[in-house]
Amino acid sequence: MRIKKGDNVIVITGKDKGKKGKVIKAIPLVERVVVEGVNIKKKHMKPKKSGQKGQIVEMAAPLHVSNVAIVDPKDGKPTRIGIKFTGDKKLRISKRSGVEL
């Protein structure tokens, strides 16, 4: 999985198509990412203490990694990720502009 925590991504398909956000959490085992402000779901929470009321909390649910693309730092459009080797280091670059991510 080439998308990491902290990357800026754009949703390319689904009900939130076109929305941009930052990756909060990457879950490589199931190939999913959680993006802030995207795929918002409501969760009903039980009261934690006696006398306290239950509540409805809005939270971002995971998206499949194939439904998001990295945002190109130069022009803000979706791009693919390439790998560039410099010495013994591996760098992720934007295929669209060649800029290091």
C-alpha atoms as a PDB file:
ATOM      1  CA  MET A   1       0.000   0.000   0.000  1.00  0.00           C
ATOM      2  CA  ARG A   2       1.592   3.257  -1.131  1.00  0.00           C
ATOM      3  CA  ILE A   3      -0.655   5.709   0.708  1.00  0.00           C
ATOM      4  CA  LYS A   4       0.617   6.577   4.181  1.00  0.00           C
ATOM      5  CA  LYS A   5      -0.638   8.436   7.241  1.00  0.00           C
ATOM      6  CA  GLY A   6      -0.438  12.212   6.738  1.00  0.00           C
ATOM      7  CA  ASP A   7      -0.804  12.136   2.923  1.00  0.00           C
ATOM      8  CA  ASN A   8      -3.230  14.539   1.251  1.00  0.00           C
ATOM      9  CA  VAL A   9      -5.689  12.554  -0.860  1.00  0.00           C
ATOM     10  CA  ILE A  10      -8.756  13.090  -3.032  1.00  0.00           C
ATOM     11  CA  VAL A  11     -11.704  10.700  -3.231  1.00  0.00           C
ATOM     12  CA  ILE A  12     -12.079   9.531  -6.846  1.00  0.00           C
ATOM     13  CA  THR A  13     -15.265   7.455  -6.565  1.00  0.00           C
ATOM     14  CA  GLY A  14     -18.291   7.001  -4.325  1.00  0.00           C
ATOM     15  CA  LYS A  15     -20.677   9.345  -2.523  1.00  0.00           C
ATOM     16  CA  ASP A  16     -17.856  11.690  -1.426  1.00  0.00           C
ATOM     17  CA  LYS A  17     -16.249  11.951  -4.882  1.00  0.00           C
ATOM     18  CA  GLY A  18     -14.126  15.082  -5.252  1.00  0.00           C
ATOM     19  CA  LYS A  19     -13.579  15.703  -1.533  1.00  0.00           C
ATOM     20  CA  LYS A  20     -10.015  16.248  -0.336  1.00  0.00           C
ATOM     21  CA  GLY A  21      -8.585  15.436   3.063  1.00  0.00           C
ATOM     22  CA  LYS A  22      -5.652  14.178   5.059  1.00  0.00           C
ATOM     23  CA  VAL A  23      -5.150  10.488   5.867  1.00  0.00           C
ATOM     24  CA  ILE A  24      -5.677  10.067   9.622  1.00  0.00           C
ATOM     25  CA  LYS A  25      -5.042   6.326   9.724  1.00  0.00           C
ATOM     26  CA  ALA A  26      -3.783   3.711   7.259  1.00  0.00           C
ATOM     27  CA  ILE A  27      -4.833   0.067   7.751  1.00  0.00           C
ATOM     28  CA  PRO A  28      -2.617  -1.998   5.402  1.00  0.00           C
ATOM     29  CA  LEU A  29      -3.938  -5.432   6.452  1.00  0.00           C
ATOM     30  CA  VAL A  30      -7.374  -4.701   4.954  1.00  0.00           C
ATOM     31  CA  GLU A  31      -6.142  -2.086   2.414  1.00  0.00           C
ATOM     32  CA  ARG A  32      -8.182   0.770   3.900  1.00  0.00           C
ATOM     33  CA  VAL A  33      -7.561   4.381   4.911  1.00  0.00           C
ATOM     34  CA  VAL A  34      -9.448   6.808   7.156  1.00  0.00           C
ATOM     35  CA  VAL A  35      -9.629  10.321   5.679  1.00  0.00           C
ATOM     36  CA  GLU A  36     -10.698  13.319   7.782  1.00  0.00           C
ATOM     37  CA  GLY A  37     -14.063  14.767   6.780  1.00  0.00           C
ATOM     38  CA  VAL A  38     -14.862  11.957   4.336  1.00  0.00           C
ATOM     39  CA  ASN A  39     -17.252   8.967   4.690  1.00  0.00           C
ATOM     40  CA  ILE A  40     -18.826  10.335   7.883  1.00  0.00           C
ATOM     41  CA  LYS A  41     -20.981   7.830   9.769  1.00  0.00           C
ATOM     42  CA  LYS A  42     -23.115   8.249  12.901  1.00  0.00           C
ATOM     43  CA  LYS A  43     -22.353   5.946  15.832  1.00  0.00           C
ATOM     44  CA  HIS A  44     -24.744   5.531  18.754  1.00  0.00           C
ATOM     45  CA  MET A  45     -22.762   5.499  22.006  1.00  0.00           C
ATOM     46  CA  LYS A  46     -24.054   4.037  25.267  1.00  0.00           C
ATOM     47  CA  PRO A  47     -23.755   6.099  28.432  1.00  0.00           C
ATOM     48  CA  LYS A  48     -20.463   5.417  30.218  1.00  0.00           C
ATOM     49  CA  LYS A  49     -21.623   6.323  33.744  1.00  0.00           C
ATOM     50  CA  SER A  50     -24.978   5.953  35.456  1.00  0.00           C
ATOM     51  CA  GLY A  51     -27.038   9.123  35.113  1.00  0.00           C
ATOM     52  CA  GLN A  52     -25.266  10.100  31.899  1.00  0.00           C
ATOM     53  CA  LYS A  53     -27.158  10.214  28.594  1.00  0.00           C
ATOM     54  CA  GLY A  54     -26.254   8.230  25.517  1.00  0.00           C
ATOM     55  CA  GLN A  55     -25.166  10.198  22.467  1.00  0.00           C
ATOM     56  CA  ILE A  56     -24.762  10.076  18.715  1.00  0.00           C
ATOM     57  CA  VAL A  57     -21.186  10.682  17.557  1.00  0.00           C
ATOM     58  CA  GLU A  58     -20.147  11.417  13.971  1.00  0.00           C
ATOM     59  CA  MET A  59     -16.923   9.727  12.931  1.00  0.00           C
ATOM     60  CA  ALA A  60     -14.975   9.050   9.732  1.00  0.00           C
ATOM     61  CA  ALA A  61     -15.243   5.437   8.548  1.00  0.00           C
ATOM     62  CA  PRO A  62     -12.511   3.669   6.517  1.00  0.00           C
ATOM     63  CA  LEU A  63     -12.451   3.790   2.696  1.00  0.00           C
ATOM     64  CA  HIS A  64     -10.819   1.262   0.400  1.00  0.00           C
ATOM     65  CA  VAL A  65      -7.447   2.513  -0.780  1.00  0.00           C
ATOM     66  CA  SER A  66      -8.461   2.116  -4.446  1.00  0.00           C
ATOM     67  CA  ASN A  67     -11.117   4.824  -3.991  1.00  0.00           C
ATOM     68  CA  VAL A  68      -8.593   7.542  -3.151  1.00  0.00           C
ATOM     69  CA  ALA A  69      -5.653   9.070  -5.009  1.00  0.00           C
ATOM     70  CA  ILE A  70      -2.751  11.214  -3.826  1.00  0.00           C
ATOM     71  CA  VAL A  71      -3.111  14.950  -4.506  1.00  0.00           C
ATOM     72  CA  ASP A  72      -0.287  16.349  -6.647  1.00  0.00           C
ATOM     73  CA  PRO A  73       1.529  19.072  -4.642  1.00  0.00           C
ATOM     74  CA  LYS A  74       1.979  21.264  -7.750  1.00  0.00           C
ATOM     75  CA  ASP A  75      -1.537  21.526  -9.199  1.00  0.00           C
ATOM     76  CA  GLY A  76      -3.855  19.807  -6.670  1.00  0.00           C
ATOM     77  CA  LYS A  77      -5.097  17.142  -9.085  1.00  0.00           C
ATOM     78  CA  PRO A  78      -5.071  13.353  -8.490  1.00  0.00           C
ATOM     79  CA  THR A  79      -1.878  11.532  -9.368  1.00  0.00           C
ATOM     80  CA  ARG A  80      -0.276   8.111  -9.138  1.00  0.00           C
ATOM     81  CA  ILE A  81       2.798   7.365  -7.059  1.00  0.00           C
ATOM     82  CA  GLY A  82       6.177   6.332  -8.435  1.00  0.00           C
ATOM     83  CA  ILE A  83       9.334   5.135  -6.690  1.00  0.00           C
ATOM     84  CA  LYS A  84      12.738   6.735  -7.221  1.00  0.00           C
ATOM     85  CA  PHE A  85      15.963   5.329  -5.808  1.00  0.00           C
ATOM     86  CA  THR A  86      18.648   7.760  -4.652  1.00  0.00           C
ATOM     87  CA  GLY A  87      21.618   5.836  -3.324  1.00  0.00           C
ATOM     88  CA  ASP A  88      20.183   3.447  -0.746  1.00  0.00           C
ATOM     89  CA  LYS A  89      17.013   5.495  -0.145  1.00  0.00           C
ATOM     90  CA  LYS A  90      13.590   4.955  -1.683  1.00  0.00           C
ATOM     91  CA  LEU A  91      11.612   8.131  -2.444  1.00  0.00           C
ATOM     92  CA  ARG A  92       7.955   8.417  -3.401  1.00  0.00           C
ATOM     93  CA  ILE A  93       7.395  10.791  -6.319  1.00  0.00           C
ATOM     94  CA  SER A  94       4.344  12.122  -8.123  1.00  0.00           C
ATOM     95  CA  LYS A  95       3.914  10.591 -11.586  1.00  0.00           C
ATOM     96  CA  ARG A  96       2.119  13.736 -12.771  1.00  0.00           C
ATOM     97  CA  SER A  97       4.808  16.325 -11.977  1.00  0.00           C
ATOM     98  CA  GLY A  98       7.797  14.342 -10.684  1.00  0.00           C
ATOM     99  CA  VAL A  99       7.776  16.172  -7.338  1.00  0.00           C
ATOM    100  CA  GLU A 100       8.869  14.283  -4.225  1.00  0.00           C
ATOM    101  CA  LEU A 101       6.003  13.455  -1.822  1.00  0.00           C
END
